[in-house]
Amino acid sequence: MKQLLIIILLGTVAISGCVGKSTYEQKVTEADQLAAEVTALQQSQTDLQGEYDNQQISNEALNEDLKRAQSDIERLEQVLSERSIEAGAAMTEMRQEIDRLETTNRALELAVESEKIARQARIAQMQSTYNELVEKMETEIERGEITISELQGKLTVNMVEKILFPSGSATIKAEGLKVLRRVGDIVKEVENKDIQVEGHTDNVPISSRLKDKFPSNWELSTARAATVVRFLRDLGIEGERLSAAGYGPFQPVASNETIEGKAQNRRIQIVLVPQQNRIEKTLR
């Protein structure tokens, strides 16, 4: 490039006419400077082209990174959207469950309160029945022929054998009928209670003269309980409320080693029990 510039300059000088030595040297120097500038410009151009190419590569890489970032953002937005929908559905389900539980709890609270009121009414009724029985049976209670007790929702009228039956018999005595009538008139007014009649004996075996009719104390106790049940039914107490059971000598309340103990064990018990017991047994 330098030589080309010198030739051009010399040609120019030749065309212009003869020149001095100093003028020639000046032109050569100028040619060298121009050549150097051209070379510098060419190098600068090369460097700029390289930088441009590098920048293009860098821009392409940035664009690829940007595309990947945008794709990642879109996937993340999709995941968040799906999770947001799932979370919304879960929240809705939880709110519905909370509403259901609150409704159930309110219903249970009302049921508990209702049962509490009903229980208080039953207790009051049992207490009233107990008081009335004690008042009406005062003479028999004082003589020790009748005891009345109330425990855990059960009211029990315990009548010794001698007030109701002759020895070895299942036929109620006249005096016993009067006592049973007074008891029956009271207990038949009690609502939501079943009436269970239980027959009990001492442990003395049935005499030989009665074995044809009552093979054992079990049959005697059962026959007596059934006789009382029939009498209560005749008083107007619903049959579905009544039941009879004979326990023979197997549930004593006193020792059979004494005369007094045997007398206490020979008894009829009229027990008022919650009516639901009968319903549950029927369902089973």
C-alpha atoms as a PDB file:
ATOM      1  CA  MET A   1       0.000   0.000   0.000  1.00  0.00           C
ATOM      2  CA  LYS A   2       2.919   2.361   0.852  1.00  0.00           C
ATOM      3  CA  GLN A   3       4.643   1.664  -2.454  1.00  0.00           C
ATOM      4  CA  LEU A   4       1.414   2.305  -4.317  1.00  0.00           C
ATOM      5  CA  LEU A   5       1.070   5.689  -2.667  1.00  0.00           C
ATOM      6  CA  ILE A   6       4.720   6.623  -3.517  1.00  0.00           C
ATOM      7  CA  ILE A   7       4.220   5.637  -7.144  1.00  0.00           C
ATOM      8  CA  ILE A   8       1.031   7.709  -7.265  1.00  0.00           C
ATOM      9  CA  LEU A   9       2.778  10.688  -5.724  1.00  0.00           C
ATOM     10  CA  LEU A  10       5.824  10.377  -8.014  1.00  0.00           C
ATOM     11  CA  GLY A  11       3.532  10.155 -10.971  1.00  0.00           C
ATOM     12  CA  THR A  12       1.801  13.263  -9.814  1.00  0.00           C
ATOM     13  CA  VAL A  13       5.116  15.036  -9.413  1.00  0.00           C
ATOM     14  CA  ALA A  14       6.234  13.889 -12.840  1.00  0.00           C
ATOM     15  CA  ILE A  15       3.124  15.184 -14.421  1.00  0.00           C
ATOM     16  CA  SER A  16       3.515  18.462 -12.586  1.00  0.00           C
ATOM     17  CA  GLY A  17       7.071  18.877 -13.738  1.00  0.00           C
ATOM     18  CA  CYS A  18      10.405  18.511 -12.095  1.00  0.00           C
ATOM     19  CA  VAL A  19      10.588  18.901  -8.273  1.00  0.00           C
ATOM     20  CA  GLY A  20      13.373  19.337  -5.794  1.00  0.00           C
ATOM     21  CA  LYS A  21      14.812  16.712  -3.506  1.00  0.00           C
ATOM     22  CA  SER A  22      13.188  18.194  -0.441  1.00  0.00           C
ATOM     23  CA  THR A  23       9.848  18.191  -2.073  1.00  0.00           C
ATOM     24  CA  TYR A  24      10.244  14.534  -2.957  1.00  0.00           C
ATOM     25  CA  GLU A  25      11.199  13.543   0.536  1.00  0.00           C
ATOM     26  CA  GLN A  26       8.256  15.489   1.899  1.00  0.00           C
ATOM     27  CA  LYS A  27       5.942  13.611  -0.405  1.00  0.00           C
ATOM     28  CA  VAL A  28       7.429  10.288   0.599  1.00  0.00           C
ATOM     29  CA  THR A  29       6.899  11.164   4.237  1.00  0.00           C
ATOM     30  CA  GLU A  30       3.303  12.113   3.545  1.00  0.00           C
ATOM     31  CA  ALA A  31       2.862   8.813   1.670  1.00  0.00           C
ATOM     32  CA  ASP A  32       4.199   6.924   4.672  1.00  0.00           C
ATOM     33  CA  GLN A  33       1.818   8.745   6.986  1.00  0.00           C
ATOM     34  CA  LEU A  34      -1.112   8.078   4.731  1.00  0.00           C
ATOM     35  CA  ALA A  35      -0.150   4.444   4.430  1.00  0.00           C
ATOM     36  CA  ALA A  36       0.043   4.189   8.219  1.00  0.00           C
ATOM     37  CA  GLU A  37      -3.358   5.821   8.578  1.00  0.00           C
ATOM     38  CA  VAL A  38      -4.813   3.444   6.001  1.00  0.00           C
ATOM     39  CA  THR A  39      -3.337   0.478   7.835  1.00  0.00           C
ATOM     40  CA  ALA A  40      -4.709   1.783  11.142  1.00  0.00           C
ATOM     41  CA  LEU A  41      -8.100   2.296   9.589  1.00  0.00           C
ATOM     42  CA  GLN A  42      -8.040  -1.209   8.158  1.00  0.00           C
ATOM     43  CA  GLN A  43      -7.099  -2.657  11.561  1.00  0.00           C
ATOM     44  CA  SER A  44      -9.804  -0.586  13.209  1.00  0.00           C
ATOM     45  CA  GLN A  45     -12.279  -1.886  10.654  1.00  0.00           C
ATOM     46  CA  THR A  46     -11.180  -5.460  11.354  1.00  0.00           C
ATOM     47  CA  ASP A  47     -11.498  -4.922  15.104  1.00  0.00           C
ATOM     48  CA  LEU A  48     -14.915  -3.335  14.708  1.00  0.00           C
ATOM     49  CA  GLN A  49     -16.035  -6.203  12.490  1.00  0.00           C
ATOM     50  CA  GLY A  50     -14.825  -8.661  15.117  1.00  0.00           C
ATOM     51  CA  GLU A  51     -16.605  -6.789  17.852  1.00  0.00           C
ATOM     52  CA  TYR A  52     -19.714  -6.663  15.713  1.00  0.00           C
ATOM     53  CA  ASP A  53     -19.530 -10.397  15.057  1.00  0.00           C
ATOM     54  CA  ASN A  54     -18.953 -11.099  18.748  1.00  0.00           C
ATOM     55  CA  GLN A  55     -21.847  -8.830  19.651  1.00  0.00           C
ATOM     56  CA  GLN A  56     -24.046 -10.676  17.196  1.00  0.00           C
ATOM     57  CA  ILE A  57     -23.069 -13.983  18.795  1.00  0.00           C
ATOM     58  CA  SER A  58     -23.649 -12.501  22.243  1.00  0.00           C
ATOM     59  CA  ASN A  59     -27.033 -11.129  21.177  1.00  0.00           C
ATOM     60  CA  GLU A  60     -28.010 -14.515  19.809  1.00  0.00           C
ATOM     61  CA  ALA A  61     -27.014 -16.147  23.094  1.00  0.00           C
ATOM     62  CA  LEU A  62     -28.966 -13.525  25.021  1.00  0.00           C
ATOM     63  CA  ASN A  63     -31.971 -14.100  22.805  1.00  0.00           C
ATOM     64  CA  GLU A  64     -31.730 -17.852  23.462  1.00  0.00           C
ATOM     65  CA  ASP A  65     -31.485 -17.211  27.212  1.00  0.00           C
ATOM     66  CA  LEU A  66     -34.420 -14.836  26.997  1.00  0.00           C
ATOM     67  CA  LYS A  67     -36.494 -17.414  25.140  1.00  0.00           C
ATOM     68  CA  ARG A  68     -35.642 -20.074  27.737  1.00  0.00           C
ATOM     69  CA  ALA A  69     -36.468 -17.650  30.538  1.00  0.00           C
ATOM     70  CA  GLN A  70     -39.791 -16.785  28.931  1.00  0.00           C
ATOM     71  CA  SER A  71     -40.555 -20.487  28.490  1.00  0.00           C
ATOM     72  CA  ASP A  72     -39.681 -21.137  32.140  1.00  0.00           C
ATOM     73  CA  ILE A  73     -41.891 -18.242  33.203  1.00  0.00           C
ATOM     74  CA  GLU A  74     -44.784 -19.579  31.119  1.00  0.00           C
ATOM     75  CA  ARG A  75     -44.386 -23.051  32.652  1.00  0.00           C
ATOM     76  CA  LEU A  76     -44.203 -21.546  36.126  1.00  0.00           C
ATOM     77  CA  GLU A  77     -47.293 -19.451  35.460  1.00  0.00           C
ATOM     78  CA  GLN A  78     -49.109 -22.603  34.259  1.00  0.00           C
ATOM     79  CA  VAL A  79     -48.067 -24.537  37.364  1.00  0.00           C
ATOM     80  CA  LEU A  80     -49.074 -21.670  39.632  1.00  0.00           C
ATOM     81  CA  SER A  81     -52.374 -21.353  37.816  1.00  0.00           C
ATOM     82  CA  GLU A  82     -53.080 -25.084  38.191  1.00  0.00           C
ATOM     83  CA  ARG A  83     -52.062 -25.013  41.827  1.00  0.00           C
ATOM     84  CA  SER A  84     -54.166 -21.936  42.367  1.00  0.00           C
ATOM     85  CA  ILE A  85     -57.169 -23.785  40.934  1.00  0.00           C
ATOM     86  CA  GLU A  86     -56.400 -26.821  43.118  1.00  0.00           C
ATOM     87  CA  ALA A  87     -55.932 -24.607  46.169  1.00  0.00           C
ATOM     88  CA  GLY A  88     -59.190 -22.830  45.405  1.00  0.00           C
ATOM     89  CA  ALA A  89     -61.025 -26.138  45.109  1.00  0.00           C
ATOM     90  CA  ALA A  90     -59.426 -27.370  48.343  1.00  0.00           C
ATOM     91  CA  MET A  91     -60.401 -24.157  50.124  1.00  0.00           C
ATOM     92  CA  THR A  92     -63.953 -24.485  48.852  1.00  0.00           C
ATOM     93  CA  GLU A  93     -64.102 -28.097  50.032  1.00  0.00           C
ATOM     94  CA  MET A  94     -62.697 -27.106  53.422  1.00  0.00           C
ATOM     95  CA  ARG A  95     -65.251 -24.327  53.799  1.00  0.00           C
ATOM     96  CA  GLN A  96     -68.030 -26.776  52.922  1.00  0.00           C
ATOM     97  CA  GLU A  97     -66.684 -29.278  55.475  1.00  0.00           C
ATOM     98  CA  ILE A  98     -66.482 -26.546  58.119  1.00  0.00           C
ATOM     99  CA  ASP A  99     -70.074 -25.519  57.355  1.00  0.00           C
ATOM    100  CA  ARG A 100     -71.173 -29.164  57.582  1.00  0.00           C
ATOM    101  CA  LEU A 101     -69.381 -29.668  60.888  1.00  0.00           C
ATOM    102  CA  GLU A 102     -70.809 -26.468  62.307  1.00  0.00           C
ATOM    103  CA  THR A 103     -74.299 -27.551  61.247  1.00  0.00           C
ATOM    104  CA  THR A 104     -73.747 -30.991  62.782  1.00  0.00           C
ATOM    105  CA  ASN A 105     -72.424 -29.460  65.994  1.00  0.00           C
ATOM    106  CA  ARG A 106     -75.417 -27.161  66.258  1.00  0.00           C
ATOM    107  CA  ALA A 107     -77.723 -30.140  65.745  1.00  0.00           C
ATOM    108  CA  LEU A 108     -75.826 -32.118  68.379  1.00  0.00           C
ATOM    109  CA  GLU A 109     -75.968 -29.227  70.811  1.00  0.00           C
ATOM    110  CA  LEU A 110     -79.715 -28.993  70.295  1.00  0.00           C
ATOM    111  CA  ALA A 111     -80.050 -32.770  70.693  1.00  0.00           C
ATOM    112  CA  VAL A 112     -77.967 -32.716  73.870  1.00  0.00           C
ATOM    113  CA  GLU A 113     -79.987 -29.860  75.277  1.00  0.00           C
ATOM    114  CA  SER A 114     -83.224 -31.609  74.312  1.00  0.00           C
ATOM    115  CA  GLU A 115     -82.037 -34.853  75.907  1.00  0.00           C
ATOM    116  CA  LYS A 116     -80.949 -32.938  78.993  1.00  0.00           C
ATOM    117  CA  ILE A 117     -84.413 -31.422  79.323  1.00  0.00           C
ATOM    118  CA  ALA A 118     -86.046 -34.808  78.684  1.00  0.00           C
ATOM    119  CA  ARG A 119     -83.765 -36.473  81.235  1.00  0.00           C
ATOM    120  CA  GLN A 120     -84.609 -33.844  83.812  1.00  0.00           C
ATOM    121  CA  ALA A 121     -88.293 -34.446  83.087  1.00  0.00           C
ATOM    122  CA  ARG A 122     -87.816 -38.216  83.478  1.00  0.00           C
ATOM    123  CA  ILE A 123     -85.946 -37.732  86.730  1.00  0.00           C
ATOM    124  CA  ALA A 124     -88.681 -35.436  88.000  1.00  0.00           C
ATOM    125  CA  GLN A 125     -91.321 -37.970  86.961  1.00  0.00           C
ATOM    126  CA  MET A 126     -89.470 -40.826  88.651  1.00  0.00           C
ATOM    127  CA  GLN A 127     -89.065 -38.771  91.783  1.00  0.00           C
ATOM    128  CA  SER A 128     -92.752 -37.936  91.720  1.00  0.00           C
ATOM    129  CA  THR A 129     -93.633 -41.621  91.225  1.00  0.00           C
ATOM    130  CA  TYR A 130     -91.246 -42.607  94.007  1.00  0.00           C
ATOM    131  CA  ASN A 131     -92.784 -40.061  96.363  1.00  0.00           C
ATOM    132  CA  GLU A 132     -96.301 -41.189  95.488  1.00  0.00           C
ATOM    133  CA  LEU A 133     -95.446 -44.860  96.024  1.00  0.00           C
ATOM    134  CA  VAL A 134     -93.803 -44.099  99.354  1.00  0.00           C
ATOM    135  CA  GLU A 135     -96.878 -42.135 100.398  1.00  0.00           C
ATOM    136  CA  LYS A 136     -99.375 -44.788  99.249  1.00  0.00           C
ATOM    137  CA  MET A 137     -97.331 -47.732 100.590  1.00  0.00           C
ATOM    138  CA  GLU A 138     -96.382 -46.097 103.870  1.00  0.00           C
ATOM    139  CA  THR A 139     -98.008 -48.786 106.054  1.00  0.00           C
ATOM    140  CA  GLU A 140     -96.436 -51.701 104.158  1.00  0.00           C
ATOM    141  CA  ILE A 141     -93.061 -49.922 104.137  1.00  0.00           C
ATOM    142  CA  GLU A 142     -93.221 -49.437 107.884  1.00  0.00           C
ATOM    143  CA  ARG A 143     -94.011 -53.145 108.333  1.00  0.00           C
ATOM    144  CA  GLY A 144     -91.023 -54.067 106.151  1.00  0.00           C
ATOM    145  CA  GLU A 145     -93.217 -55.734 103.544  1.00  0.00           C
ATOM    146  CA  ILE A 146     -92.319 -53.298 100.782  1.00  0.00           C
ATOM    147  CA  THR A 147     -89.150 -51.375  99.952  1.00  0.00           C
ATOM    148  CA  ILE A 148     -88.848 -48.807  97.197  1.00  0.00           C
ATOM    149  CA  SER A 149     -85.580 -47.753  95.610  1.00  0.00           C
ATOM    150  CA  GLU A 150     -84.483 -45.613  92.657  1.00  0.00           C
ATOM    151  CA  LEU A 151     -81.079 -46.060  91.030  1.00  0.00           C
ATOM    152  CA  GLN A 152     -79.713 -45.053  87.620  1.00  0.00           C
ATOM    153  CA  GLY A 153     -83.091 -44.456  86.042  1.00  0.00           C
ATOM    154  CA  LYS A 154     -84.624 -47.635  87.482  1.00  0.00           C
ATOM    155  CA  LEU A 155     -87.336 -47.549  90.123  1.00  0.00           C
ATOM    156  CA  THR A 156     -87.838 -50.824  91.985  1.00  0.00           C
ATOM    157  CA  VAL A 157     -90.800 -51.857  94.174  1.00  0.00           C
ATOM    158  CA  ASN A 158     -89.687 -54.865  96.202  1.00  0.00           C
ATOM    159  CA  MET A 159     -92.516 -56.886  97.809  1.00  0.00           C
ATOM    160  CA  VAL A 160     -91.857 -59.820 100.091  1.00  0.00           C
ATOM    161  CA  GLU A 161     -93.650 -63.080  99.328  1.00  0.00           C
ATOM    162  CA  LYS A 162     -95.953 -63.104 102.348  1.00  0.00           C
ATOM    163  CA  ILE A 163     -97.747 -59.916 101.270  1.00  0.00           C
ATOM    164  CA  LEU A 164     -98.711 -61.440  97.908  1.00  0.00           C
ATOM    165  CA  PHE A 165     -98.667 -65.252  97.866  1.00  0.00           C
ATOM    166  CA  PRO A 166     -99.292 -68.183 100.197  1.00  0.00           C
ATOM    167  CA  SER A 167     -96.270 -70.454 100.625  1.00  0.00           C
ATOM    168  CA  GLY A 168     -95.634 -72.598  97.526  1.00  0.00           C
ATOM    169  CA  SER A 169     -98.459 -70.891  95.568  1.00  0.00           C
ATOM    170  CA  ALA A 170     -98.640 -68.619  92.520  1.00  0.00           C
ATOM    171  CA  THR A 171    -102.151 -67.378  93.354  1.00  0.00           C
ATOM    172  CA  ILE A 172    -102.278 -63.834  94.712  1.00  0.00           C
ATOM    173  CA  LYS A 173    -103.926 -63.390  98.125  1.00  0.00           C
ATOM    174  CA  ALA A 174    -106.832 -60.962  98.576  1.00  0.00           C
ATOM    175  CA  GLU A 175    -104.642 -58.591 100.603  1.00  0.00           C
ATOM    176  CA  GLY A 176    -101.963 -58.860  97.910  1.00  0.00           C
ATOM    177  CA  LEU A 177    -104.434 -57.872  95.211  1.00  0.00           C
ATOM    178  CA  LYS A 178    -105.199 -54.654  97.080  1.00  0.00           C
ATOM    179  CA  VAL A 179    -101.503 -53.829  97.382  1.00  0.00           C
ATOM    180  CA  LEU A 180    -100.831 -54.634  93.721  1.00  0.00           C
ATOM    181  CA  ARG A 181    -103.766 -52.482  92.644  1.00  0.00           C
ATOM    182  CA  ARG A 182    -102.350 -49.467  94.462  1.00  0.00           C
ATOM    183  CA  VAL A 183     -98.924 -50.060  92.964  1.00  0.00           C
ATOM    184  CA  GLY A 184    -100.352 -50.691  89.488  1.00  0.00           C
ATOM    185  CA  ASP A 185    -102.488 -47.557  89.505  1.00  0.00           C
ATOM    186  CA  ILE A 186     -99.364 -45.502  90.156  1.00  0.00           C
ATOM    187  CA  VAL A 187     -96.849 -47.137  87.794  1.00  0.00           C
ATOM    188  CA  LYS A 188     -99.216 -47.298  84.824  1.00  0.00           C
ATOM    189  CA  GLU A 189     -99.188 -43.484  84.710  1.00  0.00           C
ATOM    190  CA  VAL A 190     -95.417 -43.383  84.289  1.00  0.00           C
ATOM    191  CA  GLU A 191     -94.522 -42.530  80.693  1.00  0.00           C
ATOM    192  CA  ASN A 192     -91.665 -43.985  78.645  1.00  0.00           C
ATOM    193  CA  LYS A 193     -91.014 -46.782  81.092  1.00  0.00           C
ATOM    194  CA  ASP A 194     -91.317 -50.524  80.735  1.00  0.00           C
ATOM    195  CA  ILE A 195     -92.428 -52.605  83.689  1.00  0.00           C
ATOM    196  CA  GLN A 196     -90.461 -55.749  84.405  1.00  0.00           C
ATOM    197  CA  VAL A 197     -91.811 -58.144  87.037  1.00  0.00           C
ATOM    198  CA  GLU A 198     -89.196 -60.407  88.621  1.00  0.00           C
ATOM    199  CA  GLY A 199     -89.875 -63.464  90.746  1.00  0.00           C
ATOM    200  CA  HIS A 200     -87.308 -64.640  93.336  1.00  0.00           C
ATOM    201  CA  THR A 201     -87.232 -67.459  95.913  1.00  0.00           C
ATOM    202  CA  ASP A 202     -84.990 -68.707  98.698  1.00  0.00           C
ATOM    203  CA  ASN A 203     -82.851 -71.831  98.263  1.00  0.00           C
ATOM    204  CA  VAL A 204     -85.212 -74.258  99.950  1.00  0.00           C
ATOM    205  CA  PRO A 205     -86.111 -76.981  97.401  1.00  0.00           C
ATOM    206  CA  ILE A 206     -89.710 -77.371  96.252  1.00  0.00           C
ATOM    207  CA  SER A 207     -91.594 -79.872  98.393  1.00  0.00           C
ATOM    208  CA  SER A 208     -92.515 -83.197  96.865  1.00  0.00           C
ATOM    209  CA  ARG A 209     -96.228 -82.364  96.927  1.00  0.00           C
ATOM    210  CA  LEU A 210     -95.630 -79.353  94.615  1.00  0.00           C
ATOM    211  CA  LYS A 211     -93.135 -80.902  92.202  1.00  0.00           C
ATOM    212  CA  ASP A 212     -95.806 -81.901  89.708  1.00  0.00           C
ATOM    213  CA  LYS A 213     -96.855 -78.248  89.400  1.00  0.00           C
ATOM    214  CA  PHE A 214     -93.505 -76.536  90.046  1.00  0.00           C
ATOM    215  CA  PRO A 215     -90.548 -78.838  89.390  1.00  0.00           C
ATOM    216  CA  SER A 216     -88.197 -76.265  90.928  1.00  0.00           C
ATOM    217  CA  ASN A 217     -88.066 -72.790  92.456  1.00  0.00           C
ATOM    218  CA  TRP A 218     -87.407 -71.490  88.986  1.00  0.00           C
ATOM    219  CA  GLU A 219     -90.852 -72.478  87.773  1.00  0.00           C
ATOM    220  CA  LEU A 220     -92.451 -71.142  90.952  1.00  0.00           C
ATOM    221  CA  SER A 221     -90.736 -67.744  90.657  1.00  0.00           C
ATOM    222  CA  THR A 222     -91.625 -67.506  86.980  1.00  0.00           C
ATOM    223  CA  ALA A 223     -95.278 -68.433  87.581  1.00  0.00           C
ATOM    224  CA  ARG A 224     -95.587 -65.778  90.293  1.00  0.00           C
ATOM    225  CA  ALA A 225     -94.042 -63.102  88.047  1.00  0.00           C
ATOM    226  CA  ALA A 226     -96.416 -64.059  85.217  1.00  0.00           C
ATOM    227  CA  THR A 227     -99.423 -63.884  87.571  1.00  0.00           C
ATOM    228  CA  VAL A 228     -98.481 -60.328  88.607  1.00  0.00           C
ATOM    229  CA  VAL A 229     -97.972 -59.338  84.950  1.00  0.00           C
ATOM    230  CA  ARG A 230    -101.462 -60.608  84.045  1.00  0.00           C
ATOM    231  CA  PHE A 231    -102.937 -58.642  86.938  1.00  0.00           C
ATOM    232  CA  LEU A 232    -101.175 -55.430  85.829  1.00  0.00           C
ATOM    233  CA  ARG A 233    -102.362 -56.036  82.273  1.00  0.00           C
ATOM    234  CA  ASP A 234    -105.938 -56.309  83.578  1.00  0.00           C
ATOM    235  CA  LEU A 235    -105.436 -52.903  85.240  1.00  0.00           C
ATOM    236  CA  GLY A 236    -104.985 -51.389  81.793  1.00  0.00           C
ATOM    237  CA  ILE A 237    -101.219 -51.341  81.424  1.00  0.00           C
ATOM    238  CA  GLU A 238    -100.190 -52.015  77.814  1.00  0.00           C
ATOM    239  CA  GLY A 239     -98.917 -55.536  77.265  1.00  0.00           C
ATOM    240  CA  GLU A 240     -95.869 -54.341  75.309  1.00  0.00           C
ATOM    241  CA  ARG A 241     -94.686 -52.521  78.406  1.00  0.00           C
ATOM    242  CA  LEU A 242     -94.828 -55.643  80.566  1.00  0.00           C
ATOM    243  CA  SER A 243     -92.440 -58.569  80.954  1.00  0.00           C
ATOM    244  CA  ALA A 244     -92.038 -61.404  83.463  1.00  0.00           C
ATOM    245  CA  ALA A 245     -88.865 -63.137  84.578  1.00  0.00           C
ATOM    246  CA  GLY A 246     -88.228 -65.869  87.123  1.00  0.00           C
ATOM    247  CA  TYR A 247     -84.818 -66.060  88.794  1.00  0.00           C
ATOM    248  CA  GLY A 248     -85.489 -68.744  91.371  1.00  0.00           C
ATOM    249  CA  PRO A 249     -82.916 -68.663  94.200  1.00  0.00           C
ATOM    250  CA  PHE A 250     -80.069 -67.336  92.042  1.00  0.00           C
ATOM    251  CA  GLN A 251     -80.227 -63.617  92.877  1.00  0.00           C
ATOM    252  CA  PRO A 252     -80.535 -63.458  96.670  1.00  0.00           C
ATOM    253  CA  VAL A 253     -80.463 -60.117  98.491  1.00  0.00           C
ATOM    254  CA  ALA A 254     -79.732 -61.688 101.883  1.00  0.00           C
ATOM    255  CA  SER A 255     -78.170 -64.803 103.343  1.00  0.00           C
ATOM    256  CA  ASN A 256     -80.196 -67.999 103.080  1.00  0.00           C
ATOM    257  CA  GLU A 257     -78.581 -69.175 106.311  1.00  0.00           C
ATOM    258  CA  THR A 258     -81.194 -67.366 108.430  1.00  0.00           C
ATOM    259  CA  ILE A 259     -84.978 -67.345 108.542  1.00  0.00           C
ATOM    260  CA  GLU A 260     -85.010 -63.586 108.096  1.00  0.00           C
ATOM    261  CA  GLY A 261     -82.680 -63.802 105.101  1.00  0.00           C
ATOM    262  CA  LYS A 262     -84.819 -66.454 103.439  1.00  0.00           C
ATOM    263  CA  ALA A 263     -87.892 -64.260 103.941  1.00  0.00           C
ATOM    264  CA  GLN A 264     -86.181 -61.349 102.199  1.00  0.00           C
ATOM    265  CA  ASN A 265     -85.120 -63.533  99.276  1.00  0.00           C
ATOM    266  CA  ARG A 266     -88.703 -64.742  98.670  1.00  0.00           C
ATOM    267  CA  ARG A 267     -89.934 -61.658  96.850  1.00  0.00           C
ATOM    268  CA  ILE A 268     -91.532 -60.060  93.808  1.00  0.00           C
ATOM    269  CA  GLN A 269     -89.860 -57.001  92.281  1.00  0.00           C
ATOM    270  CA  ILE A 270     -91.656 -54.573  90.013  1.00  0.00           C
ATOM    271  CA  VAL A 271     -88.975 -52.657  88.147  1.00  0.00           C
ATOM    272  CA  LEU A 272     -89.533 -49.570  86.002  1.00  0.00           C
ATOM    273  CA  VAL A 273     -86.829 -49.510  83.341  1.00  0.00           C
ATOM    274  CA  PRO A 274     -86.132 -47.088  80.460  1.00  0.00           C
ATOM    275  CA  GLN A 275     -88.308 -47.959  77.495  1.00  0.00           C
ATOM    276  CA  GLN A 276     -85.385 -47.767  75.099  1.00  0.00           C
ATOM    277  CA  ASN A 277     -84.059 -50.998  76.578  1.00  0.00           C
ATOM    278  CA  ARG A 278     -87.038 -52.810  75.086  1.00  0.00           C
ATOM    279  CA  ILE A 279     -86.577 -51.050  71.728  1.00  0.00           C
ATOM    280  CA  GLU A 280     -82.888 -51.967  71.569  1.00  0.00           C
ATOM    281  CA  LYS A 281     -83.631 -55.598  72.372  1.00  0.00           C
ATOM    282  CA  THR A 282     -86.253 -55.674  69.641  1.00  0.00           C
ATOM    283  CA  LEU A 283     -83.758 -54.262  67.123  1.00  0.00           C
ATOM    284  CA  ARG A 284     -81.225 -56.918  68.027  1.00  0.00           C
END
